[in-house]
Amino acid sequence: MSIVLVNTIISSIMQIFLFSLVTLIWWLATARKKELFFSWVGLKKDKT
């Protein structure tokens, strides 16, 4: 594997982690007592 590919993969993983962390912190600060995290981000079980 080339160094560019490894750097791209590491960068992608870091960006996903950072986005998830910011989302989690925002939920903790604003909606924690009102709604569960997965429901808040739109991941809900289908009722069928």
N, C-alpha and C. Protein backbone atom coordinates (compact mmCIF):
# COMPACT_ATOMS: atom_id res chain seq x y z
N MET A 1 0.85 -1.18 0.00
CA MET A 1 0.00 0.00 0.00
C MET A 1 0.89 1.23 0.00
N SER A 2 0.44 2.20 -0.70
CA SER A 2 1.23 3.41 -0.75
C SER A 2 0.93 4.28 0.47
N ILE A 3 1.83 5.16 0.75
CA ILE A 3 1.70 6.07 1.90
C ILE A 3 0.48 6.98 1.73
N VAL A 4 0.19 7.38 0.52
CA VAL A 4 -0.96 8.26 0.27
C VAL A 4 -2.26 7.55 0.65
N LEU A 5 -2.39 6.29 0.30
CA LEU A 5 -3.59 5.52 0.63
C LEU A 5 -3.73 5.38 2.15
N VAL A 6 -2.66 5.06 2.82
CA VAL A 6 -2.69 4.92 4.28
C VAL A 6 -3.09 6.25 4.93
N ASN A 7 -2.51 7.34 4.45
CA ASN A 7 -2.85 8.66 5.00
C ASN A 7 -4.32 8.99 4.75
N THR A 8 -4.83 8.63 3.60
CA THR A 8 -6.23 8.90 3.28
C THR A 8 -7.16 8.10 4.20
N ILE A 9 -6.83 6.84 4.43
CA ILE A 9 -7.64 6.00 5.31
C ILE A 9 -7.62 6.54 6.73
N ILE A 10 -6.47 6.89 7.23
CA ILE A 10 -6.34 7.42 8.59
C ILE A 10 -7.10 8.74 8.71
N SER A 11 -6.98 9.59 7.72
CA SER A 11 -7.69 10.87 7.72
C SER A 11 -9.20 10.66 7.72
N SER A 12 -9.68 9.71 6.94
CA SER A 12 -11.11 9.42 6.89
C SER A 12 -11.62 8.94 8.24
N ILE A 13 -10.89 8.05 8.87
CA ILE A 13 -11.29 7.52 10.18
C ILE A 13 -11.30 8.64 11.22
N MET A 14 -10.32 9.51 11.19
CA MET A 14 -10.27 10.63 12.14
C MET A 14 -11.43 11.59 11.92
N GLN A 15 -11.81 11.85 10.68
CA GLN A 15 -12.92 12.74 10.40
C GLN A 15 -14.25 12.16 10.87
N ILE A 16 -14.44 10.86 10.67
CA ILE A 16 -15.66 10.20 11.15
C ILE A 16 -15.72 10.26 12.66
N PHE A 17 -14.61 9.99 13.33
CA PHE A 17 -14.55 10.04 14.79
C PHE A 17 -14.86 11.45 15.30
N LEU A 18 -14.27 12.45 14.69
CA LEU A 18 -14.49 13.83 15.11
C LEU A 18 -15.94 14.24 14.91
N PHE A 19 -16.53 13.89 13.77
CA PHE A 19 -17.94 14.19 13.52
C PHE A 19 -18.82 13.52 14.55
N SER A 20 -18.55 12.27 14.87
CA SER A 20 -19.34 11.54 15.86
C SER A 20 -19.18 12.15 17.24
N LEU A 21 -18.00 12.56 17.58
CA LEU A 21 -17.75 13.16 18.89
C LEU A 21 -18.48 14.49 19.03
N VAL A 22 -18.44 15.32 18.02
CA VAL A 22 -19.16 16.60 18.06
C VAL A 22 -20.66 16.37 18.20
N THR A 23 -21.19 15.40 17.46
CA THR A 23 -22.61 15.07 17.55
C THR A 23 -22.97 14.59 18.95
N LEU A 24 -22.16 13.74 19.53
CA LEU A 24 -22.41 13.23 20.88
C LEU A 24 -22.38 14.35 21.91
N ILE A 25 -21.41 15.24 21.80
CA ILE A 25 -21.31 16.35 22.75
C ILE A 25 -22.53 17.27 22.62
N TRP A 26 -22.97 17.52 21.38
CA TRP A 26 -24.14 18.37 21.19
C TRP A 26 -25.38 17.72 21.80
N TRP A 27 -25.54 16.42 21.62
CA TRP A 27 -26.67 15.71 22.22
C TRP A 27 -26.60 15.77 23.74
N LEU A 28 -25.42 15.57 24.30
CA LEU A 28 -25.26 15.64 25.75
C LEU A 28 -25.65 17.01 26.29
N ALA A 29 -25.33 18.05 25.56
CA ALA A 29 -25.59 19.41 26.02
C ALA A 29 -27.04 19.85 25.82
N THR A 30 -27.73 19.28 24.83
CA THR A 30 -29.05 19.83 24.50
C THR A 30 -30.22 18.87 24.71
N ALA A 31 -30.10 17.61 24.34
CA ALA A 31 -31.28 16.75 24.27
C ALA A 31 -31.18 15.49 25.10
N ARG A 32 -30.22 15.40 25.98
CA ARG A 32 -29.97 14.15 26.70
C ARG A 32 -31.17 13.68 27.53
N LYS A 33 -31.83 14.58 28.19
CA LYS A 33 -32.94 14.18 29.06
C LYS A 33 -34.26 14.00 28.31
N LYS A 34 -34.32 14.46 27.06
CA LYS A 34 -35.55 14.38 26.30
C LYS A 34 -35.65 13.14 25.42
N GLU A 35 -34.53 12.69 24.88
CA GLU A 35 -34.58 11.64 23.86
C GLU A 35 -33.29 10.82 23.90
N LEU A 36 -33.40 9.54 23.57
CA LEU A 36 -32.22 8.69 23.49
C LEU A 36 -31.35 9.11 22.30
N PHE A 37 -30.05 8.86 22.39
CA PHE A 37 -29.11 9.34 21.37
C PHE A 37 -29.43 8.79 19.99
N PHE A 38 -29.62 7.48 19.88
CA PHE A 38 -29.85 6.89 18.56
C PHE A 38 -31.17 7.36 17.96
N SER A 39 -32.14 7.56 18.78
CA SER A 39 -33.41 8.12 18.31
C SER A 39 -33.21 9.57 17.88
N TRP A 40 -32.41 10.29 18.59
CA TRP A 40 -32.14 11.71 18.28
C TRP A 40 -31.43 11.88 16.94
N VAL A 41 -30.53 10.97 16.61
CA VAL A 41 -29.83 11.07 15.33
C VAL A 41 -30.60 10.41 14.18
N GLY A 42 -31.77 9.84 14.49
CA GLY A 42 -32.63 9.31 13.44
C GLY A 42 -32.59 7.81 13.26
N LEU A 43 -31.92 7.10 14.14
CA LEU A 43 -31.86 5.63 14.05
C LEU A 43 -32.94 5.06 14.96
N LYS A 44 -34.05 4.67 14.36
CA LYS A 44 -35.18 4.17 15.13
C LYS A 44 -35.59 2.80 14.58
N LYS A 45 -36.11 1.96 15.47
CA LYS A 45 -36.61 0.66 15.03
C LYS A 45 -37.92 0.86 14.26
N ASP A 46 -38.10 0.06 13.25
CA ASP A 46 -39.34 0.06 12.50
C ASP A 46 -40.42 -0.59 13.35
N LYS A 47 -41.62 -0.05 13.34
CA LYS A 47 -42.68 -0.55 14.20
C LYS A 47 -43.45 -1.72 13.60
N THR A 48 -43.01 -2.22 12.47
CA THR A 48 -43.73 -3.35 11.86
C THR A 48 -43.14 -4.66 12.28
